[in-house]
């Protein structure tokens, strides 16, 4: 679950020459607006916690 959100952090870590393209700016701006902690490289943390909670609940139901 965190892989998709970690890709946004990867895109933000790319060199400026690559990040300056319009499509990269769109992805990075989306992540800045919707992923808490993205500015610090932790945009994947909230999705990881949500995935952990869902997995824990499902395990308890078995």
Protein backbone atom coordinates (compact mmCIF):
# COMPACT_ATOMS: atom_id res chain seq x y z
CA UNK A 1 0.00 0.00 0.00
CA UNK A 2 2.82 2.41 0.71
CA UNK A 3 4.57 1.81 -2.62
CA UNK A 4 2.27 4.17 -4.50
CA UNK A 5 2.82 6.95 -1.98
CA UNK A 6 6.55 6.33 -1.72
CA UNK A 7 6.80 6.99 -5.46
CA UNK A 8 5.81 10.60 -4.76
CA UNK A 9 8.77 10.88 -2.36
CA UNK A 10 10.99 9.37 -5.05
CA UNK A 11 9.82 11.95 -7.57
CA UNK A 12 10.56 14.73 -5.10
CA UNK A 13 14.09 13.40 -4.57
CA UNK A 14 14.96 13.47 -8.27
CA UNK A 15 17.42 16.10 -9.56
CA UNK A 16 15.98 19.54 -10.29
CA UNK A 17 16.53 19.13 -14.02
CA UNK A 18 14.00 16.28 -14.01
CA UNK A 19 11.64 17.76 -11.41
CA UNK A 20 11.19 20.95 -13.45
CA UNK A 21 9.03 19.25 -16.08
CA UNK A 22 5.31 20.05 -16.03
CA UNK A 23 4.17 16.50 -15.29
CA UNK A 24 6.56 16.15 -12.37
CA UNK A 25 5.41 19.47 -10.97
CA UNK A 26 1.81 18.24 -11.11
CA UNK A 27 2.63 15.05 -9.19
CA UNK A 28 4.75 16.85 -6.61
CA UNK A 29 2.16 19.59 -6.06
CA UNK A 30 -0.54 16.94 -5.62
CA UNK A 31 1.56 15.20 -2.99
CA UNK A 32 2.34 18.48 -1.20
CA UNK A 33 -1.36 19.27 -0.97
CA UNK A 34 -2.68 15.84 0.06
CA UNK A 35 0.07 13.89 1.84
CA UNK A 36 0.89 15.03 5.36
CA UNK A 37 4.63 14.94 6.05
CA UNK A 38 5.54 14.96 2.36
CA UNK A 39 7.84 17.97 2.77
CA UNK A 40 9.99 15.91 5.15
CA UNK A 41 10.05 12.72 3.07
CA UNK A 42 7.37 10.97 5.13
CA UNK A 43 4.42 11.05 2.75
CA UNK A 44 4.18 7.26 2.99
CA UNK A 45 3.71 7.12 6.78
CA UNK A 46 -0.05 7.83 7.00
CA UNK A 47 -0.90 5.26 4.27
CA UNK A 48 1.34 2.74 6.09
CA UNK A 49 -0.49 3.31 9.37
CA UNK A 50 -3.86 2.95 7.64
CA UNK A 51 -2.68 -0.27 6.00
CA UNK A 52 -1.46 -1.59 9.34
CA UNK A 53 -4.80 -0.85 10.99
CA UNK A 54 -6.76 -2.50 8.17
CA UNK A 55 -4.48 -5.56 8.31
CA UNK A 56 -4.77 -5.77 12.08
CA UNK A 57 -8.57 -5.57 11.98
CA UNK A 58 -8.79 -8.21 9.26
CA UNK A 59 -6.45 -10.51 11.19
CA UNK A 60 -8.60 -10.16 14.31
CA UNK A 61 -11.67 -11.22 12.33
CA UNK A 62 -10.08 -14.53 11.27
